[in-house]
PDB file of N, CA and C in Angstrom:
ATOM      1  N   UNK A   1     -86.724 -41.218-136.898  1.00  0.00           N
ATOM      2  CA  UNK A   1     -87.010 -41.754-135.583  1.00  0.00           C
ATOM      3  C   UNK A   1     -88.235 -42.675-135.610  1.00  0.00           C
ATOM      4  N   UNK A   2     -89.260 -42.241-136.369  1.00  0.00           N
ATOM      5  CA  UNK A   2     -90.460 -43.078-136.479  1.00  0.00           C
ATOM      6  C   UNK A   2     -90.128 -44.403-137.152  1.00  0.00           C
ATOM      7  N   UNK A   3     -89.245 -44.350-138.130  1.00  0.00           N
ATOM      8  CA  UNK A   3     -88.839 -45.571-138.835  1.00  0.00           C
ATOM      9  C   UNK A   3     -88.170 -46.537-137.867  1.00  0.00           C
ATOM     10  N   UNK A   4     -87.315 -46.018-136.995  1.00  0.00           N
ATOM     11  CA  UNK A   4     -86.637 -46.855-136.007  1.00  0.00           C
ATOM     12  C   UNK A   4     -87.651 -47.453-135.032  1.00  0.00           C
ATOM     13  N   UNK A   5     -88.588 -46.633-134.558  1.00  0.00           N
ATOM     14  CA  UNK A   5     -89.604 -47.120-133.635  1.00  0.00           C
ATOM     15  C   UNK A   5     -90.474 -48.189-134.293  1.00  0.00           C
ATOM     16  N   UNK A   6     -90.840 -47.958-135.562  1.00  0.00           N
ATOM     17  CA  UNK A   6     -91.627 -48.954-136.301  1.00  0.00           C
ATOM     18  C   UNK A   6     -90.872 -50.266-136.422  1.00  0.00           C
ATOM     19  N   UNK A   7     -89.588 -50.177-136.718  1.00  0.00           N
ATOM     20  CA  UNK A   7     -88.773 -51.393-136.874  1.00  0.00           C
ATOM     21  C   UNK A   7     -88.665 -52.145-135.555  1.00  0.00           C
ATOM     22  N   UNK A   8     -88.419 -51.430-134.478  1.00  0.00           N
ATOM     23  CA  UNK A   8     -88.315 -52.075-133.158  1.00  0.00           C
ATOM     24  C   UNK A   8     -89.637 -52.739-132.787  1.00  0.00           C
ATOM     25  N   UNK A   9     -90.739 -52.006-132.945  1.00  0.00           N
ATOM     26  CA  UNK A   9     -92.054 -52.579-132.638  1.00  0.00           C
ATOM     27  C   UNK A   9     -92.363 -53.753-133.559  1.00  0.00           C
ATOM     28  N   UNK A  10     -91.971 -53.635-134.824  1.00  0.00           N
ATOM     29  CA  UNK A  10     -92.185 -54.725-135.770  1.00  0.00           C
ATOM     30  C   UNK A  10     -91.445 -55.986-135.355  1.00  0.00           C
ATOM     31  N   UNK A  11     -90.218 -55.827-134.903  1.00  0.00           N
ATOM     32  CA  UNK A  11     -89.438 -56.978-134.434  1.00  0.00           C
ATOM     33  C   UNK A  11     -90.065 -57.580-133.183  1.00  0.00           C
ATOM     34  N   UNK A  12     -90.513 -56.725-132.278  1.00  0.00           N
ATOM     35  CA  UNK A  12     -91.154 -57.206-131.037  1.00  0.00           C
ATOM     36  C   UNK A  12     -92.420 -58.000-131.370  1.00  0.00           C
ATOM     37  N   UNK A  13     -93.276 -57.430-132.211  1.00  0.00           N
ATOM     38  CA  UNK A  13     -94.517 -58.125-132.576  1.00  0.00           C
ATOM     39  C   UNK A  13     -94.221 -59.428-133.300  1.00  0.00           C
ATOM     40  N   UNK A  14     -93.322 -59.387-134.270  1.00  0.00           N
ATOM     41  CA  UNK A  14     -93.010 -60.599-135.044  1.00  0.00           C
ATOM     42  C   UNK A  14     -92.428 -61.693-134.165  1.00  0.00           C
ATOM     43  N   UNK A  15     -91.525 -61.320-133.281  1.00  0.00           N
ATOM     44  CA  UNK A  15     -90.917 -62.303-132.381  1.00  0.00           C
ATOM     45  C   UNK A  15     -91.963 -62.914-131.459  1.00  0.00           C
ATOM     46  N   UNK A  16     -92.804 -62.066-130.894  1.00  0.00           N
ATOM     47  CA  UNK A  16     -93.871 -62.570-130.023  1.00  0.00           C
ATOM     48  C   UNK A  16     -94.787 -63.516-130.786  1.00  0.00           C
ATOM     49  N   UNK A  17     -95.101 -63.167-132.032  1.00  0.00           N
ATOM     50  CA  UNK A  17     -95.962 -64.021-132.843  1.00  0.00           C
ATOM     51  C   UNK A  17     -95.349 -65.383-133.114  1.00  0.00           C
ATOM     52  N   UNK A  18     -94.078 -65.405-133.442  1.00  0.00           N
ATOM     53  CA  UNK A  18     -93.383 -66.680-133.684  1.00  0.00           C
ATOM     54  C   UNK A  18     -93.355 -67.518-132.404  1.00  0.00           C
ATOM     55  N   UNK A  19     -93.144 -66.849-131.271  1.00  0.00           N
ATOM     56  CA  UNK A  19     -93.117 -67.575-129.993  1.00  0.00           C
ATOM     57  C   UNK A  19     -94.458 -68.242-129.684  1.00  0.00           C
ATOM     58  N   UNK A  20     -95.554 -67.677-130.193  1.00  0.00           N
ATOM     59  CA  UNK A  20     -96.867 -68.307-130.007  1.00  0.00           C
ATOM     60  C   UNK A  20     -96.888 -69.712-130.593  1.00  0.00           C
ATOM     61  N   UNK A  21     -96.143 -69.912-131.672  1.00  0.00           N
ATOM     62  CA  UNK A  21     -96.095 -71.219-132.322  1.00  0.00           C
ATOM     63  C   UNK A  21     -95.038 -72.128-131.690  1.00  0.00           C
ATOM     64  N   UNK A  22     -93.928 -71.542-131.278  1.00  0.00           N
ATOM     65  CA  UNK A  22     -92.837 -72.339-130.687  1.00  0.00           C
ATOM     66  C   UNK A  22     -93.163 -72.802-129.269  1.00  0.00           C
ATOM     67  N   UNK A  23     -93.938 -71.999-128.542  1.00  0.00           N
ATOM     68  CA  UNK A  23     -94.253 -72.302-127.140  1.00  0.00           C
ATOM     69  C   UNK A  23     -95.754 -72.164-126.894  1.00  0.00           C
ATOM     70  N   UNK A  24     -96.525 -72.744-127.784  1.00  0.00           N
ATOM     71  CA  UNK A  24     -97.990 -72.605-127.735  1.00  0.00           C
ATOM     72  C   UNK A  24     -98.566 -72.991-126.376  1.00  0.00           C
ATOM     73  N   UNK A  25     -98.080 -74.078-125.790  1.00  0.00           N
ATOM     74  CA  UNK A  25     -98.655 -74.532-124.516  1.00  0.00           C
ATOM     75  C   UNK A  25     -98.428 -73.511-123.406  1.00  0.00           C
ATOM     76  N   UNK A  26     -97.298 -72.810-123.432  1.00  0.00           N
ATOM     77  CA  UNK A  26     -97.053 -71.771-122.425  1.00  0.00           C
ATOM     78  C   UNK A  26     -98.011 -70.601-122.601  1.00  0.00           C
ATOM     79  N   UNK A  27     -98.244 -70.211-123.838  1.00  0.00           N
ATOM     80  CA  UNK A  27     -99.165 -69.113-124.098  1.00  0.00           C
ATOM     81  C   UNK A  27    -100.603 -69.513-123.772  1.00  0.00           C
ATOM     82  N   UNK A  28    -100.940 -70.777-123.998  1.00  0.00           N
ATOM     83  CA  UNK A  28    -102.299 -71.234-123.713  1.00  0.00           C
ATOM     84  C   UNK A  28    -102.619 -71.101-122.226  1.00  0.00           C
ATOM     85  N   UNK A  29    -101.617 -71.243-121.369  1.00  0.00           N
ATOM     86  CA  UNK A  29    -101.831 -71.129-119.919  1.00  0.00           C
ATOM     87  C   UNK A  29    -102.341 -69.755-119.513  1.00  0.00           C
ATOM     88  N   UNK A  30    -101.993 -68.723-120.285  1.00  0.00           N
ATOM     89  CA  UNK A  30    -102.402 -67.382-119.881  1.00  0.00           C
ATOM     90  C   UNK A  30    -103.725 -66.937-120.510  1.00  0.00           C
ATOM     91  N   UNK A  31    -104.289 -67.787-121.348  1.00  0.00           N
ATOM     92  CA  UNK A  31    -105.627 -67.505-121.875  1.00  0.00           C
ATOM     93  C   UNK A  31    -106.619 -67.953-120.802  1.00  0.00           C
ATOM     94  N   UNK A  32    -107.484 -67.050-120.344  1.00  0.00           N
ATOM     95  CA  UNK A  32    -108.432 -67.425-119.285  1.00  0.00           C
ATOM     96  C   UNK A  32    -109.180 -68.719-119.609  1.00  0.00           C
ATOM     97  N   UNK A  33    -109.306 -69.572-118.606  1.00  0.00           N
ATOM     98  CA  UNK A  33    -109.898 -70.899-118.785  1.00  0.00           C
ATOM     99  C   UNK A  33    -111.353 -70.860-119.240  1.00  0.00           C
ATOM    100  N   UNK A  34    -112.043 -69.769-118.963  1.00  0.00           N
ATOM    101  CA  UNK A  34    -113.451 -69.687-119.337  1.00  0.00           C
ATOM    102  C   UNK A  34    -113.636 -69.417-120.836  1.00  0.00           C
ATOM    103  N   UNK A  35    -112.547 -69.122-121.534  1.00  0.00           N
ATOM    104  CA  UNK A  35    -112.645 -68.885-122.971  1.00  0.00           C
ATOM    105  C   UNK A  35    -112.534 -70.198-123.742  1.00  0.00           C
ATOM    106  N   UNK A  36    -113.358 -70.358-124.758  1.00  0.00           N
ATOM    107  CA  UNK A  36    -113.266 -71.577-125.579  1.00  0.00           C
ATOM    108  C   UNK A  36    -112.123 -71.472-126.595  1.00  0.00           C
ATOM    109  N   UNK A  37    -111.732 -72.590-127.147  1.00  0.00           N
ATOM    110  CA  UNK A  37    -110.753 -72.635-128.233  1.00  0.00           C
ATOM    111  C   UNK A  37    -109.442 -71.923-127.869  1.00  0.00           C
ATOM    112  N   UNK A  38    -108.915 -72.243-126.704  1.00  0.00           N
ATOM    113  CA  UNK A  38    -107.716 -71.557-126.211  1.00  0.00           C
ATOM    114  C   UNK A  38    -106.510 -71.764-127.127  1.00  0.00           C
ATOM    115  N   UNK A  39    -106.312 -72.990-127.619  1.00  0.00           N
ATOM    116  CA  UNK A  39    -105.178 -73.230-128.511  1.00  0.00           C
ATOM    117  C   UNK A  39    -105.334 -72.427-129.801  1.00  0.00           C
ATOM    118  N   UNK A  40    -106.523 -72.429-130.351  1.00  0.00           N
ATOM    119  CA  UNK A  40    -106.781 -71.653-131.567  1.00  0.00           C
ATOM    120  C   UNK A  40    -106.550 -70.163-131.319  1.00  0.00           C
ATOM    121  N   UNK A  41    -106.965 -69.681-130.167  1.00  0.00           N
ATOM    122  CA  UNK A  41    -106.770 -68.268-129.833  1.00  0.00           C
ATOM    123  C   UNK A  41    -105.286 -67.919-129.813  1.00  0.00           C
ATOM    124  N   UNK A  42    -104.475 -68.805-129.252  1.00  0.00           N
ATOM    125  CA  UNK A  42    -103.026 -68.568-129.198  1.00  0.00           C
ATOM    126  C   UNK A  42    -102.448 -68.520-130.614  1.00  0.00           C
ATOM    127  N   UNK A  43    -102.827 -69.463-131.436  1.00  0.00           N
ATOM    128  CA  UNK A  43    -102.279 -69.526-132.791  1.00  0.00           C
ATOM    129  C   UNK A  43    -102.758 -68.348-133.647  1.00  0.00           C
ATOM    130  N   UNK A  44    -104.025 -67.993-133.512  1.00  0.00           N
ATOM    131  CA  UNK A  44    -104.564 -66.866-134.284  1.00  0.00           C
ATOM    132  C   UNK A  44    -103.910 -65.556-133.858  1.00  0.00           C
ATOM    133  N   UNK A  45    -103.748 -65.359-132.547  1.00  0.00           N
ATOM    134  CA  UNK A  45    -103.095 -64.123-132.099  1.00  0.00           C
ATOM    135  C   UNK A  45    -101.633 -64.108-132.535  1.00  0.00           C
ATOM    136  N   UNK A  46    -101.023 -65.276-132.618  1.00  0.00           N
ATOM    137  CA  UNK A  46     -99.656 -65.349-133.124  1.00  0.00           C
ATOM    138  C   UNK A  46     -99.567 -64.889-134.572  1.00  0.00           C
ATOM    139  N   UNK A  47    -100.516 -65.324-135.384  1.00  0.00           N
ATOM    140  CA  UNK A  47    -100.555 -64.898-136.792  1.00  0.00           C
ATOM    141  C   UNK A  47    -100.733 -63.385-136.874  1.00  0.00           C
ATOM    142  N   UNK A  48    -101.660 -62.852-136.088  1.00  0.00           N
ATOM    143  CA  UNK A  48    -101.881 -61.402-136.081  1.00  0.00           C
ATOM    144  C   UNK A  48    -100.597 -60.665-135.729  1.00  0.00           C
ATOM    145  N   UNK A  49     -99.900 -61.123-134.705  1.00  0.00           N
ATOM    146  CA  UNK A  49     -98.675 -60.437-134.274  1.00  0.00           C
ATOM    147  C   UNK A  49     -97.597 -60.494-135.354  1.00  0.00           C
ATOM    148  N   UNK A  50     -97.481 -61.611-136.027  1.00  0.00           N
ATOM    149  CA  UNK A  50     -96.495 -61.712-137.115  1.00  0.00           C
ATOM    150  C   UNK A  50     -96.852 -60.737-138.239  1.00  0.00           C
ATOM    151  N   UNK A  51     -98.114 -60.699-138.615  1.00  0.00           N
ATOM    152  CA  UNK A  51     -98.555 -59.778-139.679  1.00  0.00           C
ATOM    153  C   UNK A  51     -98.328 -58.332-139.247  1.00  0.00           C
ATOM    154  N   UNK A  52     -98.706 -57.995-138.012  1.00  0.00           N
ATOM    155  CA  UNK A  52     -98.486 -56.633-137.516  1.00  0.00           C
ATOM    156  C   UNK A  52     -97.002 -56.284-137.598  1.00  0.00           C
ATOM    157  N   UNK A  53     -96.165 -57.196-137.165  1.00  0.00           N
ATOM    158  CA  UNK A  53     -94.728 -56.950-137.166  1.00  0.00           C
ATOM    159  C   UNK A  53     -94.191 -56.706-138.559  1.00  0.00           C
ATOM    160  N   UNK A  54     -94.586 -57.546-139.493  1.00  0.00           N
ATOM    161  CA  UNK A  54     -94.093 -57.409-140.874  1.00  0.00           C
ATOM    162  C   UNK A  54     -94.546 -56.079-141.470  1.00  0.00           C
ATOM    163  N   UNK A  55     -95.813 -55.749-141.286  1.00  0.00           N
ATOM    164  CA  UNK A  55     -96.330 -54.494-141.846  1.00  0.00           C
ATOM    165  C   UNK A  55     -95.617 -53.302-141.223  1.00  0.00           C
ATOM    166  N   UNK A  56     -95.398 -53.323-139.920  1.00  0.00           N
ATOM    167  CA  UNK A  56     -94.706 -52.207-139.270  1.00  0.00           C
ATOM    168  C   UNK A  56     -93.286 -52.034-139.807  1.00  0.00           C
ATOM    169  N   UNK A  57     -92.626 -53.138-140.094  1.00  0.00           N
ATOM    170  CA  UNK A  57     -91.260 -53.064-140.610  1.00  0.00           C
ATOM    171  C   UNK A  57     -91.253 -52.559-142.046  1.00  0.00           C
ATOM    172  N   UNK A  58     -92.212 -52.991-142.838  1.00  0.00           N
ATOM    173  CA  UNK A  58     -92.202 -52.719-144.277  1.00  0.00           C
ATOM    174  C   UNK A  58     -92.710 -51.322-144.638  1.00  0.00           C
ATOM    175  N   UNK A  59     -93.749 -50.842-143.938  1.00  0.00           N
ATOM    176  CA  UNK A  59     -94.320 -49.557-144.358  1.00  0.00           C
ATOM    177  C   UNK A  59     -94.938 -48.795-143.192  1.00  0.00           C
ATOM    178  N   UNK A  60     -95.203 -47.544-143.451  1.00  0.00           N
ATOM    179  CA  UNK A  60     -95.877 -46.683-142.488  1.00  0.00           C
ATOM    180  C   UNK A  60     -97.322 -47.164-142.347  1.00  0.00           C
ATOM    181  N   UNK A  61     -97.759 -47.472-141.129  1.00  0.00           N
ATOM    182  CA  UNK A  61     -99.135 -47.968-140.969  1.00  0.00           C
ATOM    183  C   UNK A  61    -100.163 -46.855-141.168  1.00  0.00           C
ATOM    184  N   UNK A  62    -101.284 -47.234-141.759  1.00  0.00           N
ATOM    185  CA  UNK A  62    -102.385 -46.288-141.929  1.00  0.00           C
ATOM    186  C   UNK A  62    -103.094 -46.093-140.590  1.00  0.00           C
ATOM    187  N   UNK A  63    -103.957 -45.120-140.532  1.00  0.00           N
ATOM    188  CA  UNK A  63    -104.742 -44.865-139.319  1.00  0.00           C
ATOM    189  C   UNK A  63    -105.585 -46.095-138.967  1.00  0.00           C
ATOM    190  N   UNK A  64    -106.174 -46.702-139.992  1.00  0.00           N
ATOM    191  CA  UNK A  64    -106.998 -47.895-139.767  1.00  0.00           C
ATOM    192  C   UNK A  64    -106.180 -49.062-139.227  1.00  0.00           C
ATOM    193  N   UNK A  65    -104.967 -49.233-139.747  1.00  0.00           N
ATOM    194  CA  UNK A  65    -104.109 -50.323-139.284  1.00  0.00           C
ATOM    195  C   UNK A  65    -103.676 -50.088-137.838  1.00  0.00           C
ATOM    196  N   UNK A  66    -103.399 -48.824-137.492  1.00  0.00           N
ATOM    197  CA  UNK A  66    -103.053 -48.494-136.100  1.00  0.00           C
ATOM    198  C   UNK A  66    -104.220 -48.832-135.176  1.00  0.00           C
ATOM    199  N   UNK A  67    -105.439 -48.515-135.614  1.00  0.00           N
ATOM    200  CA  UNK A  67    -106.624 -48.842-134.807  1.00  0.00           C
ATOM    201  C   UNK A  67    -106.771 -50.348-134.645  1.00  0.00           C
ATOM    202  N   UNK A  68    -106.447 -51.101-135.698  1.00  0.00           N
ATOM    203  CA  UNK A  68    -106.511 -52.553-135.627  1.00  0.00           C
ATOM    204  C   UNK A  68    -105.508 -53.101-134.603  1.00  0.00           C
ATOM    205  N   UNK A  69    -104.283 -52.598-134.651  1.00  0.00           N
ATOM    206  CA  UNK A  69    -103.276 -53.035-133.681  1.00  0.00           C
ATOM    207  C   UNK A  69    -103.711 -52.674-132.264  1.00  0.00           C
ATOM    208  N   UNK A  70    -104.204 -51.460-132.085  1.00  0.00           N
ATOM    209  CA  UNK A  70    -104.637 -51.029-130.748  1.00  0.00           C
ATOM    210  C   UNK A  70    -105.814 -51.857-130.240  1.00  0.00           C
ATOM    211  N   UNK A  71    -106.725 -52.192-131.117  1.00  0.00           N
ATOM    212  CA  UNK A  71    -107.856 -53.055-130.735  1.00  0.00           C
ATOM    213  C   UNK A  71    -107.346 -54.430-130.314  1.00  0.00           C
ATOM    214  N   UNK A  72    -106.381 -54.930-131.050  1.00  0.00           N
ATOM    215  CA  UNK A  72    -105.767 -56.215-130.715  1.00  0.00           C
ATOM    216  C   UNK A  72    -105.121 -56.149-129.329  1.00  0.00           C
ATOM    217  N   UNK A  73    -104.366 -55.084-129.070  1.00  0.00           N
ATOM    218  CA  UNK A  73    -103.703 -54.941-127.771  1.00  0.00           C
ATOM    219  C   UNK A  73    -104.714 -54.907-126.624  1.00  0.00           C
ATOM    220  N   UNK A  74    -105.847 -54.278-126.854  1.00  0.00           N
ATOM    221  CA  UNK A  74    -106.904 -54.274-125.839  1.00  0.00           C
ATOM    222  C   UNK A  74    -107.558 -55.642-125.711  1.00  0.00           C
ATOM    223  N   UNK A  75    -107.683 -56.346-126.834  1.00  0.00           N
ATOM    224  CA  UNK A  75    -108.321 -57.671-126.812  1.00  0.00           C
ATOM    225  C   UNK A  75    -107.492 -58.695-126.044  1.00  0.00           C
ATOM    226  N   UNK A  76    -106.174 -58.570-126.081  1.00  0.00           N
ATOM    227  CA  UNK A  76    -105.325 -59.538-125.370  1.00  0.00           C
ATOM    228  C   UNK A  76    -105.010 -59.092-123.941  1.00  0.00           C
ATOM    229  N   UNK A  77    -105.468 -57.919-123.566  1.00  0.00           N
ATOM    230  CA  UNK A  77    -105.249 -57.415-122.205  1.00  0.00           C
ATOM    231  C   UNK A  77    -105.759 -58.382-121.132  1.00  0.00           C
ATOM    232  N   UNK A  78    -106.930 -59.012-121.301  1.00  0.00           N
ATOM    233  CA  UNK A  78    -107.391 -59.952-120.270  1.00  0.00           C
ATOM    234  C   UNK A  78    -106.400 -61.095-120.006  1.00  0.00           C
ATOM    235  N   UNK A  79    -105.646 -61.509-121.014  1.00  0.00           N
ATOM    236  CA  UNK A  79    -104.654 -62.567-120.798  1.00  0.00           C
ATOM    237  C   UNK A  79    -103.551 -62.086-119.865  1.00  0.00           C
ATOM    238  N   UNK A  80    -103.129 -60.830-120.019  1.00  0.00           N
ATOM    239  CA  UNK A  80    -102.104 -60.286-119.126  1.00  0.00           C
ATOM    240  C   UNK A  80    -102.628 -60.148-117.695  1.00  0.00           C
ATOM    241  N   UNK A  81    -103.862 -59.722-117.577  1.00  0.00           N
ATOM    242  CA  UNK A  81    -104.466 -59.593-116.242  1.00  0.00           C
ATOM    243  C   UNK A  81    -104.618 -60.974-115.616  1.00  0.00           C
ATOM    244  N   UNK A  82    -105.100 -61.931-116.387  1.00  0.00           N
ATOM    245  CA  UNK A  82    -105.282 -63.307-115.905  1.00  0.00           C
ATOM    246  C   UNK A  82    -103.941 -63.892-115.456  1.00  0.00           C
ATOM    247  N   UNK A  83    -102.901 -63.667-116.236  1.00  0.00           N
ATOM    248  CA  UNK A  83    -101.571 -64.180-115.889  1.00  0.00           C
ATOM    249  C   UNK A  83    -101.099 -63.603-114.556  1.00  0.00           C
ATOM    250  N   UNK A  84    -101.314 -62.319-114.356  1.00  0.00           N
ATOM    251  CA  UNK A  84    -100.894 -61.677-113.113  1.00  0.00           C
ATOM    252  C   UNK A  84    -101.731 -62.161-111.923  1.00  0.00           C
ATOM    253  N   UNK A  85    -103.053 -62.206-112.106  1.00  0.00           N
ATOM    254  CA  UNK A  85    -103.929 -62.613-111.002  1.00  0.00           C
ATOM    255  C   UNK A  85    -103.674 -64.052-110.565  1.00  0.00           C
ATOM    256  N   UNK A  86    -103.408 -64.927-111.532  1.00  0.00           N
ATOM    257  CA  UNK A  86    -103.193 -66.351-111.232  1.00  0.00           C
ATOM    258  C   UNK A  86    -101.717 -66.680-110.995  1.00  0.00           C
ATOM    259  N   UNK A  87    -100.859 -65.660-111.109  1.00  0.00           N
ATOM    260  CA  UNK A  87     -99.417 -65.824-110.882  1.00  0.00           C
ATOM    261  C   UNK A  87     -98.857 -66.968-111.741  1.00  0.00           C
ATOM    262  N   UNK A  88     -99.156 -66.917-113.025  1.00  0.00           N
ATOM    263  CA  UNK A  88     -98.760 -67.973-113.956  1.00  0.00           C
ATOM    264  C   UNK A  88     -97.331 -67.741-114.415  1.00  0.00           C
ATOM    265  N   UNK A  89     -96.548 -68.795-114.380  1.00  0.00           N
ATOM    266  CA  UNK A  89     -95.147 -68.716-114.802  1.00  0.00           C
ATOM    267  C   UNK A  89     -95.059 -68.451-116.295  1.00  0.00           C
ATOM    268  N   UNK A  90     -94.011 -67.763-116.678  1.00  0.00           N
ATOM    269  CA  UNK A  90     -93.738 -67.515-118.087  1.00  0.00           C
ATOM    270  C   UNK A  90     -92.804 -68.619-118.555  1.00  0.00           C
ATOM    271  N   UNK A  91     -93.389 -69.655-119.130  1.00  0.00           N
ATOM    272  CA  UNK A  91     -92.602 -70.839-119.477  1.00  0.00           C
ATOM    273  C   UNK A  91     -92.217 -71.580-118.216  1.00  0.00           C
ATOM    274  N   UNK A  92     -90.931 -71.741-118.004  1.00  0.00           N
ATOM    275  CA  UNK A  92     -90.465 -72.413-116.788  1.00  0.00           C
ATOM    276  C   UNK A  92     -89.958 -71.423-115.748  1.00  0.00           C
ATOM    277  N   UNK A  93     -90.131 -70.121-116.020  1.00  0.00           N
ATOM    278  CA  UNK A  93     -89.672 -69.093-115.087  1.00  0.00           C
ATOM    279  C   UNK A  93     -90.852 -68.451-114.377  1.00  0.00           C
ATOM    280  N   UNK A  94     -90.792 -68.463-113.062  1.00  0.00           N
ATOM    281  CA  UNK A  94     -91.811 -67.767-112.284  1.00  0.00           C
ATOM    282  C   UNK A  94     -91.340 -66.337-112.064  1.00  0.00           C
ATOM    283  N   UNK A  95     -92.068 -65.396-112.611  1.00  0.00           N
ATOM    284  CA  UNK A  95     -91.714 -63.990-112.487  1.00  0.00           C
ATOM    285  C   UNK A  95     -92.314 -63.415-111.208  1.00  0.00           C
ATOM    286  N   UNK A  96     -91.684 -62.392-110.651  1.00  0.00           N
ATOM    287  CA  UNK A  96     -92.275 -61.734-109.478  1.00  0.00           C
ATOM    288  C   UNK A  96     -93.649 -61.158-109.828  1.00  0.00           C
ATOM    289  N   UNK A  97     -94.520 -61.145-108.851  1.00  0.00           N
ATOM    290  CA  UNK A  97     -95.886 -60.660-109.079  1.00  0.00           C
ATOM    291  C   UNK A  97     -95.892 -59.238-109.634  1.00  0.00           C
ATOM    292  N   UNK A  98     -95.034 -58.383-109.115  1.00  0.00           N
ATOM    293  CA  UNK A  98     -95.005 -56.990-109.587  1.00  0.00           C
ATOM    294  C   UNK A  98     -94.670 -56.918-111.080  1.00  0.00           C
ATOM    295  N   UNK A  99     -93.819 -57.828-111.532  1.00  0.00           N
ATOM    296  CA  UNK A  99     -93.441 -57.835-112.941  1.00  0.00           C
ATOM    297  C   UNK A  99     -94.602 -58.325-113.809  1.00  0.00           C
ATOM    298  N   UNK A 100     -95.337 -59.316-113.302  1.00  0.00           N
ATOM    299  CA  UNK A 100     -96.516 -59.794-114.031  1.00  0.00           C
ATOM    300  C   UNK A 100     -97.553 -58.678-114.170  1.00  0.00           C
ATOM    301  N   UNK A 101     -97.757 -57.927-113.100  1.00  0.00           N
ATOM    302  CA  UNK A 101     -98.728 -56.828-113.155  1.00  0.00           C
ATOM    303  C   UNK A 101     -98.230 -55.665-114.017  1.00  0.00           C
ATOM    304  N   UNK A 102     -96.920 -55.533-114.171  1.00  0.00           N
ATOM    305  CA  UNK A 102     -96.385 -54.442-114.988  1.00  0.00           C
ATOM    306  C   UNK A 102     -96.702 -54.646-116.472  1.00  0.00           C
ATOM    307  N   UNK A 103     -97.028 -55.875-116.860  1.00  0.00           N
ATOM    308  CA  UNK A 103     -97.390 -56.138-118.253  1.00  0.00           C
ATOM    309  C   UNK A 103     -98.725 -55.483-118.610  1.00  0.00           C
ATOM    310  N   UNK A 104     -99.561 -55.246-117.616  1.00  0.00           N
ATOM    311  CA  UNK A 104    -100.877 -54.646-117.879  1.00  0.00           C
ATOM    312  C   UNK A 104    -100.729 -53.215-118.413  1.00  0.00           C
ATOM    313  N   UNK A 105    -100.041 -52.313-117.696  1.00  0.00           N
ATOM    314  CA  UNK A 105     -99.899 -50.966-118.257  1.00  0.00           C
ATOM    315  C   UNK A 105     -99.012 -50.926-119.508  1.00  0.00           C
ATOM    316  N   UNK A 106     -98.182 -51.946-119.689  1.00  0.00           N
ATOM    317  CA  UNK A 106     -97.350 -52.002-120.890  1.00  0.00           C
ATOM    318  C   UNK A 106     -98.212 -51.998-122.151  1.00  0.00           C
ATOM    319  N   UNK A 107     -99.391 -52.615-122.090  1.00  0.00           N
ATOM    320  CA  UNK A 107    -100.287 -52.611-123.248  1.00  0.00           C
ATOM    321  C   UNK A 107    -100.631 -51.170-123.648  1.00  0.00           C
ATOM    322  N   UNK A 108    -100.846 -50.312-122.647  1.00  0.00           N
ATOM    323  CA  UNK A 108    -101.215 -48.926-122.924  1.00  0.00           C
ATOM    324  C   UNK A 108    -100.013 -48.122-123.423  1.00  0.00           C
ATOM    325  N   UNK A 109     -98.827 -48.479-122.968  1.00  0.00           N
ATOM    326  CA  UNK A 109     -97.601 -47.860-123.489  1.00  0.00           C
ATOM    327  C   UNK A 109     -97.450 -48.220-124.967  1.00  0.00           C
ATOM    328  N   UNK A 110     -97.690 -49.484-125.296  1.00  0.00           N
ATOM    329  CA  UNK A 110     -97.608 -49.910-126.699  1.00  0.00           C
ATOM    330  C   UNK A 110     -98.640 -49.181-127.557  1.00  0.00           C
ATOM    331  N   UNK A 111     -99.847 -49.001-127.032  1.00  0.00           N
ATOM    332  CA  UNK A 111    -100.890 -48.279-127.765  1.00  0.00           C
ATOM    333  C   UNK A 111    -100.427 -46.847-128.039  1.00  0.00           C
ATOM    334  N   UNK A 112     -99.861 -46.218-127.040  1.00  0.00           N
ATOM    335  CA  UNK A 112     -99.374 -44.841-127.212  1.00  0.00           C
ATOM    336  C   UNK A 112     -98.256 -44.792-128.260  1.00  0.00           C
ATOM    337  N   UNK A 113     -97.368 -45.788-128.227  1.00  0.00           N
ATOM    338  CA  UNK A 113     -96.285 -45.835-129.202  1.00  0.00           C
ATOM    339  C   UNK A 113     -96.824 -46.032-130.622  1.00  0.00           C
ATOM    340  N   UNK A 114     -97.790 -46.920-130.759  1.00  0.00           N
ATOM    341  CA  UNK A 114     -98.394 -47.167-132.075  1.00  0.00           C
ATOM    342  C   UNK A 114     -99.050 -45.886-132.596  1.00  0.00           C
ATOM    343  N   UNK A 115     -99.731 -45.158-131.714  1.00  0.00           N
ATOM    344  CA  UNK A 115    -100.407 -43.934-132.132  1.00  0.00           C
ATOM    345  C   UNK A 115     -99.424 -42.857-132.610  1.00  0.00           C
ATOM    346  N   UNK A 116     -98.190 -42.908-132.121  1.00  0.00           N
ATOM    347  CA  UNK A 116     -97.189 -41.902-132.501  1.00  0.00           C
ATOM    348  C   UNK A 116     -96.517 -42.200-133.841  1.00  0.00           C
ATOM    349  N   UNK A 117     -96.750 -43.376-134.387  1.00  0.00           N
ATOM    350  CA  UNK A 117     -96.097 -43.726-135.657  1.00  0.00           C
ATOM    351  C   UNK A 117     -96.673 -42.936-136.816  1.00  0.00           C
TER     352      UNK A 117
END
């Protein structure tokens, strides 16, 4: 079961990471404007997500690696909050406000899932 969960999470992380490169301008919109180097932040977080995804698929993550993923999830939390507060469209689709805000607790669900691996 853990192997299946790792694979699913690995695919989710890897896909999200690739999307950072394919749709960089959309992801840049959700990085708070007060942060410098927004494009670089999008690309760097994309690389992290791809690496996280590959490692999750290939092997059982160590305690330290789980902490790294969880720290990352907390670090990108402000982007989810910013997206919800500013009602920023996801690409060309405007999502309902409730759905944008639901992404915030999703980060904590992902953290809990990572901890169970």
